[in-house]
Amino acid sequence: MKRKTPLLWCVWAGFCIFSACQPSTVKEETDILVEVEGLTLTRSDVEKVIPQGSTPADSLLMAENYIKKWITDILIYEVAEHNLGKDEKEVNRLVEEYRRALLRHRYLEGMVHSKLSAEIRENDRRSYYQEHIQKFILDRHLIKGLFIKVPVDAPGLENVRKWYKSDKLDAVENIEKYSIQNASIYDYFYDRWVDFDEALAKIPMHVSNKAQFLKTNRYVEFTDSSYCYFLNIAEHLLAGNVAPYEYAEPQIEEEMINKRKVEFLRNFEEELYRDAVRKGNVIFYNTKP
């Protein structure tokens, strides 16, 4: 049998991933697509980089490009490691510096958010919101409500049509129970504001004037060849209005933390330094002759 070229191998691998090709070998072996210098790339690794909804042709092309780049990166690394010689120590030094900087950054960021977030009181957040309210003007439409996506052949669709339009507790409970067995997507957001664009992205319908659509539509139902989509828009808030406090709260906290961050880190580093010197963890040597 003729040996496949790298390009054809990549196309074949992509084809196996995206067209349910099943070679007659054990599953563990077929999951490996290629091996280079003892490193392996698996089918699942490649699947992760292909965006959902990609066409078969696009999926094949992306898979081929990804596999080829993965192979090339390893080969370049091997060549570089072989030829660096004395420069390898410098590379290792830079890698270690980057590792230390990354660890410091992650630790300090996590500590700052944890410490300062706990220190910021609810009253402080609300005061900041009122004092800087013009900073919180919406650049997007927001909605509250409920969304459910079910297959067109799912049982009880007539009940879903009644339930999703009702704000009553028993209707919501019925939808939740129904969704466990039948829904592809179920999202309850009566209690929080969400981006209308994100909600609309789940429905394959085009809306040209979103502001007008929100003003004139409370209940949205759309059906294609595979699914029925139901969206209850209980409340809406158009772009240009002031963001509700609960929606703006993460931004408020982030801004308040950033204002206090510099002083907090300065005090933390100074305290850490003094404590280390006091405990004898830092040793100064007299280098004078």
C-alpha atoms as a PDB file:
ATOM      1  CA  MET A   1       0.000   0.000   0.000  1.00  0.00           C
ATOM      2  CA  LYS A   2       1.341   3.476  -0.841  1.00  0.00           C
ATOM      3  CA  ARG A   3       2.411   5.555   2.106  1.00  0.00           C
ATOM      4  CA  LYS A   4       0.320   8.683   2.684  1.00  0.00           C
ATOM      5  CA  THR A   5       2.059  12.058   2.342  1.00  0.00           C
ATOM      6  CA  PRO A   6       1.885  14.347   5.416  1.00  0.00           C
ATOM      7  CA  LEU A   7      -0.770  16.489   3.731  1.00  0.00           C
ATOM      8  CA  LEU A   8      -2.977  13.528   2.861  1.00  0.00           C
ATOM      9  CA  TRP A   9      -2.429  12.114   6.326  1.00  0.00           C
ATOM     10  CA  CYS A  10      -3.712  15.340   7.849  1.00  0.00           C
ATOM     11  CA  VAL A  11      -6.750  15.364   5.582  1.00  0.00           C
ATOM     12  CA  TRP A  12      -7.434  11.742   6.434  1.00  0.00           C
ATOM     13  CA  ALA A  13      -7.095  12.494  10.150  1.00  0.00           C
ATOM     14  CA  GLY A  14      -9.493  15.401   9.849  1.00  0.00           C
ATOM     15  CA  PHE A  15     -11.899  13.229   7.908  1.00  0.00           C
ATOM     16  CA  CYS A  16     -11.813  10.581  10.628  1.00  0.00           C
ATOM     17  CA  ILE A  17     -12.530  13.186  13.264  1.00  0.00           C
ATOM     18  CA  PHE A  18     -15.430  14.851  11.602  1.00  0.00           C
ATOM     19  CA  SER A  19     -17.110  12.133   9.560  1.00  0.00           C
ATOM     20  CA  ALA A  20     -17.297   9.313  12.111  1.00  0.00           C
ATOM     21  CA  CYS A  21     -14.585   7.221  10.430  1.00  0.00           C
ATOM     22  CA  GLN A  22     -13.869   4.174  12.594  1.00  0.00           C
ATOM     23  CA  PRO A  23     -10.754   2.147  11.664  1.00  0.00           C
ATOM     24  CA  SER A  24     -10.805  -1.495  12.696  1.00  0.00           C
ATOM     25  CA  THR A  25      -8.349  -1.131  15.595  1.00  0.00           C
ATOM     26  CA  VAL A  26      -8.846  -0.675  19.291  1.00  0.00           C
ATOM     27  CA  LYS A  27     -10.237   2.659  20.472  1.00  0.00           C
ATOM     28  CA  GLU A  28      -7.131   3.653  22.436  1.00  0.00           C
ATOM     29  CA  GLU A  29      -4.941   3.350  19.354  1.00  0.00           C
ATOM     30  CA  THR A  30      -7.305   5.113  16.959  1.00  0.00           C
ATOM     31  CA  ASP A  31      -7.471   8.154  19.242  1.00  0.00           C
ATOM     32  CA  ILE A  32      -3.797   8.852  18.432  1.00  0.00           C
ATOM     33  CA  LEU A  33      -3.488  10.696  15.128  1.00  0.00           C
ATOM     34  CA  VAL A  34       0.244  11.318  14.897  1.00  0.00           C
ATOM     35  CA  GLU A  35       3.453  10.816  16.898  1.00  0.00           C
ATOM     36  CA  VAL A  36       6.606  12.928  16.673  1.00  0.00           C
ATOM     37  CA  GLU A  37       9.701  12.495  18.843  1.00  0.00           C
ATOM     38  CA  GLY A  38       7.730  10.445  21.357  1.00  0.00           C
ATOM     39  CA  LEU A  39       4.952  13.040  21.660  1.00  0.00           C
ATOM     40  CA  THR A  40       1.436  12.184  20.509  1.00  0.00           C
ATOM     41  CA  LEU A  41      -1.491  14.230  19.246  1.00  0.00           C
ATOM     42  CA  THR A  42      -4.917  12.702  19.766  1.00  0.00           C
ATOM     43  CA  ARG A  43      -8.251  12.997  18.025  1.00  0.00           C
ATOM     44  CA  SER A  44      -9.744  14.676  21.110  1.00  0.00           C
ATOM     45  CA  ASP A  45      -6.915  17.248  21.174  1.00  0.00           C
ATOM     46  CA  VAL A  46      -7.775  18.336  17.644  1.00  0.00           C
ATOM     47  CA  GLU A  47     -11.522  18.321  18.229  1.00  0.00           C
ATOM     48  CA  LYS A  48     -11.075  20.902  21.001  1.00  0.00           C
ATOM     49  CA  VAL A  49      -9.717  23.533  18.599  1.00  0.00           C
ATOM     50  CA  ILE A  50     -12.519  23.213  16.026  1.00  0.00           C
ATOM     51  CA  PRO A  51     -15.309  25.761  16.718  1.00  0.00           C
ATOM     52  CA  GLN A  52     -18.783  24.311  17.074  1.00  0.00           C
ATOM     53  CA  GLY A  53     -20.922  24.803  14.008  1.00  0.00           C
ATOM     54  CA  SER A  54     -18.001  24.669  11.554  1.00  0.00           C
ATOM     55  CA  THR A  55     -18.797  23.176   8.165  1.00  0.00           C
ATOM     56  CA  PRO A  56     -17.201  19.812   7.293  1.00  0.00           C
ATOM     57  CA  ALA A  57     -14.932  21.528   4.759  1.00  0.00           C
ATOM     58  CA  ASP A  58     -13.799  24.167   7.269  1.00  0.00           C
ATOM     59  CA  SER A  59     -13.328  21.503   9.938  1.00  0.00           C
ATOM     60  CA  LEU A  60     -11.077  19.450   7.653  1.00  0.00           C
ATOM     61  CA  LEU A  61      -8.988  22.494   6.760  1.00  0.00           C
ATOM     62  CA  MET A  62      -8.620  23.624  10.380  1.00  0.00           C
ATOM     63  CA  ALA A  63      -7.713  20.100  11.484  1.00  0.00           C
ATOM     64  CA  GLU A  64      -5.095  19.769   8.746  1.00  0.00           C
ATOM     65  CA  ASN A  65      -3.531  23.150   9.575  1.00  0.00           C
ATOM     66  CA  TYR A  66      -3.505  22.450  13.309  1.00  0.00           C
ATOM     67  CA  ILE A  67      -1.892  19.022  12.917  1.00  0.00           C
ATOM     68  CA  LYS A  68       0.746  20.351  10.523  1.00  0.00           C
ATOM     69  CA  LYS A  69       1.621  23.235  12.869  1.00  0.00           C
ATOM     70  CA  TRP A  70       1.770  20.880  15.848  1.00  0.00           C
ATOM     71  CA  ILE A  71       4.257  18.666  13.991  1.00  0.00           C
ATOM     72  CA  THR A  72       6.309  21.648  12.782  1.00  0.00           C
ATOM     73  CA  ASP A  73       6.512  23.207  16.258  1.00  0.00           C
ATOM     74  CA  ILE A  74       7.952  19.997  17.695  1.00  0.00           C
ATOM     75  CA  LEU A  75      10.465  19.630  14.864  1.00  0.00           C
ATOM     76  CA  ILE A  76      11.627  23.248  15.236  1.00  0.00           C
ATOM     77  CA  TYR A  77      11.960  22.764  18.986  1.00  0.00           C
ATOM     78  CA  GLU A  78      14.109  19.654  18.467  1.00  0.00           C
ATOM     79  CA  VAL A  79      16.345  21.460  15.951  1.00  0.00           C
ATOM     80  CA  ALA A  80      16.642  24.509  18.217  1.00  0.00           C
ATOM     81  CA  GLU A  81      17.518  22.406  21.252  1.00  0.00           C
ATOM     82  CA  HIS A  82      20.196  20.633  19.217  1.00  0.00           C
ATOM     83  CA  ASN A  83      21.783  23.812  17.864  1.00  0.00           C
ATOM     84  CA  LEU A  84      21.498  26.333  20.682  1.00  0.00           C
ATOM     85  CA  GLY A  85      24.598  25.120  22.489  1.00  0.00           C
ATOM     86  CA  LYS A  86      25.791  27.812  24.910  1.00  0.00           C
ATOM     87  CA  ASP A  87      22.623  29.839  24.338  1.00  0.00           C
ATOM     88  CA  GLU A  88      20.595  27.101  26.021  1.00  0.00           C
ATOM     89  CA  LYS A  89      21.562  28.371  29.466  1.00  0.00           C
ATOM     90  CA  GLU A  90      20.259  31.816  28.564  1.00  0.00           C
ATOM     91  CA  VAL A  91      16.990  30.318  27.347  1.00  0.00           C
ATOM     92  CA  ASN A  92      16.644  28.326  30.560  1.00  0.00           C
ATOM     93  CA  ARG A  93      17.325  31.470  32.580  1.00  0.00           C
ATOM     94  CA  LEU A  94      14.622  33.395  30.700  1.00  0.00           C
ATOM     95  CA  VAL A  95      12.171  30.514  31.118  1.00  0.00           C
ATOM     96  CA  GLU A  96      12.820  30.450  34.866  1.00  0.00           C
ATOM     97  CA  GLU A  97      12.393  34.230  35.075  1.00  0.00           C
ATOM     98  CA  TYR A  98       9.095  33.990  33.235  1.00  0.00           C
ATOM     99  CA  ARG A  99       7.931  31.131  35.468  1.00  0.00           C
ATOM    100  CA  ARG A 100       8.736  33.124  38.603  1.00  0.00           C
ATOM    101  CA  ALA A 101       7.050  36.255  37.232  1.00  0.00           C
ATOM    102  CA  LEU A 102       3.955  34.271  36.279  1.00  0.00           C
ATOM    103  CA  LEU A 103       3.723  32.656  39.719  1.00  0.00           C
ATOM    104  CA  ARG A 104       4.154  36.032  41.428  1.00  0.00           C
ATOM    105  CA  HIS A 105       1.528  37.635  39.228  1.00  0.00           C
ATOM    106  CA  ARG A 106      -1.045  34.892  39.742  1.00  0.00           C
ATOM    107  CA  TYR A 107      -0.515  34.780  43.487  1.00  0.00           C
ATOM    108  CA  LEU A 108      -0.633  38.558  43.962  1.00  0.00           C
ATOM    109  CA  GLU A 109      -3.678  39.002  41.719  1.00  0.00           C
ATOM    110  CA  GLY A 110      -5.559  36.286  43.564  1.00  0.00           C
ATOM    111  CA  MET A 111      -4.566  37.634  46.967  1.00  0.00           C
ATOM    112  CA  VAL A 112      -5.443  41.230  46.051  1.00  0.00           C
ATOM    113  CA  HIS A 113      -8.914  40.276  44.853  1.00  0.00           C
ATOM    114  CA  SER A 114      -9.536  38.018  47.820  1.00  0.00           C
ATOM    115  CA  LYS A 115      -8.362  40.505  50.466  1.00  0.00           C
ATOM    116  CA  LEU A 116      -9.710  43.720  48.977  1.00  0.00           C
ATOM    117  CA  SER A 117     -13.008  42.239  47.837  1.00  0.00           C
ATOM    118  CA  ALA A 118     -13.707  41.150  51.411  1.00  0.00           C
ATOM    119  CA  GLU A 119     -12.897  44.662  52.654  1.00  0.00           C
ATOM    120  CA  ILE A 120     -15.253  46.469  50.267  1.00  0.00           C
ATOM    121  CA  ARG A 121     -18.628  46.829  51.931  1.00  0.00           C
ATOM    122  CA  GLU A 122     -21.960  46.805  50.135  1.00  0.00           C
ATOM    123  CA  ASN A 123     -22.583  50.428  51.132  1.00  0.00           C
ATOM    124  CA  ASP A 124     -19.233  51.407  49.598  1.00  0.00           C
ATOM    125  CA  ARG A 125     -20.153  49.719  46.324  1.00  0.00           C
ATOM    126  CA  ARG A 126     -23.518  51.447  46.139  1.00  0.00           C
ATOM    127  CA  SER A 127     -21.980  54.821  46.970  1.00  0.00           C
ATOM    128  CA  TYR A 128     -19.390  54.350  44.221  1.00  0.00           C
ATOM    129  CA  TYR A 129     -22.174  53.422  41.799  1.00  0.00           C
ATOM    130  CA  GLN A 130     -24.158  56.580  42.587  1.00  0.00           C
ATOM    131  CA  GLU A 131     -21.103  58.847  42.471  1.00  0.00           C
ATOM    132  CA  HIS A 132     -19.910  57.480  39.111  1.00  0.00           C
ATOM    133  CA  ILE A 133     -23.235  56.577  37.542  1.00  0.00           C
ATOM    134  CA  GLN A 134     -22.320  58.006  34.134  1.00  0.00           C
ATOM    135  CA  LYS A 135     -19.567  55.393  33.860  1.00  0.00           C
ATOM    136  CA  PHE A 136     -22.197  52.668  33.829  1.00  0.00           C
ATOM    137  CA  ILE A 137     -24.150  53.514  30.687  1.00  0.00           C
ATOM    138  CA  LEU A 138     -25.106  50.353  28.823  1.00  0.00           C
ATOM    139  CA  ASP A 139     -23.508  49.656  25.451  1.00  0.00           C
ATOM    140  CA  ARG A 140     -25.788  46.637  24.881  1.00  0.00           C
ATOM    141  CA  HIS A 141     -29.373  45.557  25.378  1.00  0.00           C
ATOM    142  CA  LEU A 142     -30.186  43.491  28.469  1.00  0.00           C
ATOM    143  CA  ILE A 143     -33.036  41.109  29.187  1.00  0.00           C
ATOM    144  CA  LYS A 144     -34.447  38.970  31.972  1.00  0.00           C
ATOM    145  CA  GLY A 145     -36.503  35.872  31.335  1.00  0.00           C
ATOM    146  CA  LEU A 146     -36.246  32.264  30.280  1.00  0.00           C
ATOM    147  CA  PHE A 147     -34.986  30.288  27.281  1.00  0.00           C
ATOM    148  CA  ILE A 148     -35.580  26.686  26.273  1.00  0.00           C
ATOM    149  CA  LYS A 149     -34.491  24.751  23.175  1.00  0.00           C
ATOM    150  CA  VAL A 150     -36.083  21.378  22.448  1.00  0.00           C
ATOM    151  CA  PRO A 151     -36.037  18.950  19.500  1.00  0.00           C
ATOM    152  CA  VAL A 152     -38.955  19.333  17.087  1.00  0.00           C
ATOM    153  CA  ASP A 153     -40.044  15.768  17.791  1.00  0.00           C
ATOM    154  CA  ALA A 154     -39.978  16.153  21.593  1.00  0.00           C
ATOM    155  CA  PRO A 155     -43.208  15.210  23.379  1.00  0.00           C
ATOM    156  CA  GLY A 156     -45.478  17.790  24.981  1.00  0.00           C
ATOM    157  CA  LEU A 157     -44.530  20.828  22.898  1.00  0.00           C
ATOM    158  CA  GLU A 158     -48.008  22.302  23.327  1.00  0.00           C
ATOM    159  CA  ASN A 159     -47.447  22.332  27.079  1.00  0.00           C
ATOM    160  CA  VAL A 160     -44.093  24.053  26.623  1.00  0.00           C
ATOM    161  CA  ARG A 161     -45.807  26.741  24.538  1.00  0.00           C
ATOM    162  CA  LYS A 162     -48.121  27.471  27.461  1.00  0.00           C
ATOM    163  CA  TRP A 163     -45.564  27.161  30.232  1.00  0.00           C
ATOM    164  CA  TYR A 164     -42.846  29.394  28.803  1.00  0.00           C
ATOM    165  CA  LYS A 165     -45.276  32.320  28.539  1.00  0.00           C
ATOM    166  CA  SER A 166     -46.283  32.072  32.187  1.00  0.00           C
ATOM    167  CA  ASP A 167     -44.436  33.722  35.066  1.00  0.00           C
ATOM    168  CA  LYS A 168     -46.198  31.547  37.630  1.00  0.00           C
ATOM    169  CA  LEU A 169     -44.069  29.335  39.816  1.00  0.00           C
ATOM    170  CA  ASP A 170     -45.817  26.099  38.829  1.00  0.00           C
ATOM    171  CA  ALA A 171     -45.239  26.805  35.120  1.00  0.00           C
ATOM    172  CA  VAL A 172     -41.535  27.389  35.726  1.00  0.00           C
ATOM    173  CA  GLU A 173     -41.330  24.192  37.774  1.00  0.00           C
ATOM    174  CA  ASN A 174     -43.041  22.275  34.959  1.00  0.00           C
ATOM    175  CA  ILE A 175     -40.512  23.603  32.443  1.00  0.00           C
ATOM    176  CA  GLU A 176     -37.606  22.676  34.702  1.00  0.00           C
ATOM    177  CA  LYS A 177     -38.881  19.121  35.124  1.00  0.00           C
ATOM    178  CA  TYR A 178     -39.591  18.849  31.391  1.00  0.00           C
ATOM    179  CA  SER A 179     -36.120  20.153  30.519  1.00  0.00           C
ATOM    180  CA  ILE A 180     -34.326  17.424  32.441  1.00  0.00           C
ATOM    181  CA  GLN A 181     -35.551  14.804  29.963  1.00  0.00           C
ATOM    182  CA  ASN A 182     -36.220  16.777  26.803  1.00  0.00           C
ATOM    183  CA  ALA A 183     -34.388  20.111  26.494  1.00  0.00           C
ATOM    184  CA  SER A 184     -31.097  20.616  24.683  1.00  0.00           C
ATOM    185  CA  ILE A 185     -30.697  23.993  26.422  1.00  0.00           C
ATOM    186  CA  TYR A 186     -32.591  25.447  29.362  1.00  0.00           C
ATOM    187  CA  ASP A 187     -31.678  28.774  30.938  1.00  0.00           C
ATOM    188  CA  TYR A 188     -33.626  30.490  33.714  1.00  0.00           C
ATOM    189  CA  PHE A 189     -32.642  34.139  34.127  1.00  0.00           C
ATOM    190  CA  TYR A 190     -35.657  35.886  35.608  1.00  0.00           C
ATOM    191  CA  ASP A 191     -33.366  36.805  38.499  1.00  0.00           C
ATOM    192  CA  ARG A 192     -30.464  38.321  36.542  1.00  0.00           C
ATOM    193  CA  TRP A 193     -29.775  40.532  33.541  1.00  0.00           C
ATOM    194  CA  VAL A 194     -28.146  38.912  30.507  1.00  0.00           C
ATOM    195  CA  ASP A 195     -26.840  40.281  27.228  1.00  0.00           C
ATOM    196  CA  PHE A 196     -29.624  40.098  24.633  1.00  0.00           C
ATOM    197  CA  ASP A 197     -27.083  39.324  21.900  1.00  0.00           C
ATOM    198  CA  GLU A 198     -25.914  36.248  23.822  1.00  0.00           C
ATOM    199  CA  ALA A 199     -29.481  35.014  24.220  1.00  0.00           C
ATOM    200  CA  LEU A 200     -30.275  35.715  20.573  1.00  0.00           C
ATOM    201  CA  ALA A 201     -27.161  33.837  19.431  1.00  0.00           C
ATOM    202  CA  LYS A 202     -28.829  30.623  20.594  1.00  0.00           C
ATOM    203  CA  ILE A 203     -31.683  31.122  18.108  1.00  0.00           C
ATOM    204  CA  PRO A 204     -30.950  30.840  14.352  1.00  0.00           C
ATOM    205  CA  MET A 205     -33.031  33.886  13.432  1.00  0.00           C
ATOM    206  CA  HIS A 206     -32.027  37.317  12.123  1.00  0.00           C
ATOM    207  CA  VAL A 207     -33.134  40.458  13.945  1.00  0.00           C
ATOM    208  CA  SER A 208     -32.225  43.667  12.109  1.00  0.00           C
ATOM    209  CA  ASN A 209     -33.524  46.218  14.632  1.00  0.00           C
ATOM    210  CA  LYS A 210     -32.952  44.754  18.073  1.00  0.00           C
ATOM    211  CA  ALA A 211     -34.236  47.749  20.021  1.00  0.00           C
ATOM    212  CA  GLN A 212     -37.529  47.721  18.138  1.00  0.00           C
ATOM    213  CA  PHE A 213     -37.725  43.947  18.445  1.00  0.00           C
ATOM    214  CA  LEU A 214     -37.461  44.174  22.227  1.00  0.00           C
ATOM    215  CA  LYS A 215     -40.131  46.859  22.376  1.00  0.00           C
ATOM    216  CA  THR A 216     -42.633  44.765  20.428  1.00  0.00           C
ATOM    217  CA  ASN A 217     -41.868  41.164  21.412  1.00  0.00           C
ATOM    218  CA  ARG A 218     -42.438  39.593  24.805  1.00  0.00           C
ATOM    219  CA  TYR A 219     -42.623  35.952  23.697  1.00  0.00           C
ATOM    220  CA  VAL A 220     -40.412  34.593  20.938  1.00  0.00           C
ATOM    221  CA  GLU A 221     -40.893  31.217  19.269  1.00  0.00           C
ATOM    222  CA  PHE A 222     -38.824  29.983  16.343  1.00  0.00           C
ATOM    223  CA  THR A 223     -38.649  26.573  14.677  1.00  0.00           C
ATOM    224  CA  ASP A 224     -36.200  25.108  12.195  1.00  0.00           C
ATOM    225  CA  SER A 225     -35.853  21.578  10.849  1.00  0.00           C
ATOM    226  CA  SER A 226     -34.327  20.280  14.085  1.00  0.00           C
ATOM    227  CA  TYR A 227     -35.389  22.376  17.073  1.00  0.00           C
ATOM    228  CA  CYS A 228     -38.021  24.612  18.611  1.00  0.00           C
ATOM    229  CA  TYR A 229     -36.744  27.709  20.417  1.00  0.00           C
ATOM    230  CA  PHE A 230     -38.756  29.519  23.097  1.00  0.00           C
ATOM    231  CA  LEU A 231     -37.674  32.822  24.667  1.00  0.00           C
ATOM    232  CA  ASN A 232     -39.649  34.673  27.328  1.00  0.00           C
ATOM    233  CA  ILE A 233     -38.484  38.303  27.614  1.00  0.00           C
ATOM    234  CA  ALA A 234     -39.857  39.240  31.023  1.00  0.00           C
ATOM    235  CA  GLU A 235     -37.968  42.551  31.188  1.00  0.00           C
ATOM    236  CA  HIS A 236     -35.680  44.458  28.875  1.00  0.00           C
ATOM    237  CA  LEU A 237     -33.342  47.416  29.167  1.00  0.00           C
ATOM    238  CA  LEU A 238     -32.022  49.141  26.059  1.00  0.00           C
ATOM    239  CA  ALA A 239     -28.491  50.331  25.378  1.00  0.00           C
ATOM    240  CA  GLY A 240     -27.990  53.953  26.410  1.00  0.00           C
ATOM    241  CA  ASN A 241     -29.697  53.509  29.757  1.00  0.00           C
ATOM    242  CA  VAL A 242     -27.864  53.302  33.066  1.00  0.00           C
ATOM    243  CA  ALA A 243     -26.885  49.731  33.891  1.00  0.00           C
ATOM    244  CA  PRO A 244     -28.713  48.259  36.891  1.00  0.00           C
ATOM    245  CA  TYR A 245     -26.579  48.103  40.017  1.00  0.00           C
ATOM    246  CA  GLU A 246     -26.578  44.289  40.125  1.00  0.00           C
ATOM    247  CA  TYR A 247     -25.350  44.129  36.516  1.00  0.00           C
ATOM    248  CA  ALA A 248     -22.666  46.778  37.087  1.00  0.00           C
ATOM    249  CA  GLU A 249     -21.511  45.333  40.422  1.00  0.00           C
ATOM    250  CA  PRO A 250     -18.583  43.243  39.040  1.00  0.00           C
ATOM    251  CA  GLN A 251     -17.255  46.331  37.218  1.00  0.00           C
ATOM    252  CA  ILE A 252     -17.747  48.465  40.340  1.00  0.00           C
ATOM    253  CA  GLU A 253     -15.775  46.020  42.470  1.00  0.00           C
ATOM    254  CA  GLU A 254     -12.990  45.736  39.893  1.00  0.00           C
ATOM    255  CA  GLU A 255     -12.590  49.520  39.705  1.00  0.00           C
ATOM    256  CA  MET A 256     -12.597  49.898  43.484  1.00  0.00           C
ATOM    257  CA  ILE A 257     -10.022  47.124  43.863  1.00  0.00           C
ATOM    258  CA  ASN A 258      -7.761  48.701  41.238  1.00  0.00           C
ATOM    259  CA  LYS A 259      -7.864  52.036  43.082  1.00  0.00           C
ATOM    260  CA  ARG A 260      -6.645  50.370  46.302  1.00  0.00           C
ATOM    261  CA  LYS A 261      -4.346  47.840  44.670  1.00  0.00           C
ATOM    262  CA  VAL A 262      -1.126  49.894  44.432  1.00  0.00           C
ATOM    263  CA  GLU A 263      -1.112  50.917  48.094  1.00  0.00           C
ATOM    264  CA  PHE A 264      -2.065  47.414  49.218  1.00  0.00           C
ATOM    265  CA  LEU A 265       0.785  45.786  47.270  1.00  0.00           C
ATOM    266  CA  ARG A 266       3.293  48.368  48.498  1.00  0.00           C
ATOM    267  CA  ASN A 267       2.361  47.660  52.115  1.00  0.00           C
ATOM    268  CA  PHE A 268       2.325  43.896  51.542  1.00  0.00           C
ATOM    269  CA  GLU A 269       5.798  43.855  49.967  1.00  0.00           C
ATOM    270  CA  GLU A 270       7.248  46.080  52.691  1.00  0.00           C
ATOM    271  CA  GLU A 271       5.771  43.898  55.441  1.00  0.00           C
ATOM    272  CA  LEU A 272       7.006  40.728  53.713  1.00  0.00           C
ATOM    273  CA  TYR A 273      10.523  42.192  53.415  1.00  0.00           C
ATOM    274  CA  ARG A 274      10.733  43.317  57.043  1.00  0.00           C
ATOM    275  CA  ASP A 275       9.365  40.010  58.311  1.00  0.00           C
ATOM    276  CA  ALA A 276      11.938  38.019  56.310  1.00  0.00           C
ATOM    277  CA  VAL A 277      14.811  40.186  57.600  1.00  0.00           C
ATOM    278  CA  ARG A 278      13.563  39.932  61.197  1.00  0.00           C
ATOM    279  CA  LYS A 279      13.376  36.120  60.991  1.00  0.00           C
ATOM    280  CA  GLY A 280      16.857  35.861  59.526  1.00  0.00           C
ATOM    281  CA  ASN A 281      15.677  34.571  56.153  1.00  0.00           C
ATOM    282  CA  VAL A 282      17.609  37.391  54.469  1.00  0.00           C
ATOM    283  CA  ILE A 283      21.344  37.492  55.164  1.00  0.00           C
ATOM    284  CA  PHE A 284      23.439  40.541  54.282  1.00  0.00           C
ATOM    285  CA  TYR A 285      27.181  40.018  53.855  1.00  0.00           C
ATOM    286  CA  ASN A 286      29.806  42.639  54.529  1.00  0.00           C
ATOM    287  CA  THR A 287      31.774  42.737  51.279  1.00  0.00           C
ATOM    288  CA  LYS A 288      34.196  45.476  52.371  1.00  0.00           C
ATOM    289  CA  PRO A 289      37.873  44.397  52.536  1.00  0.00           C
END
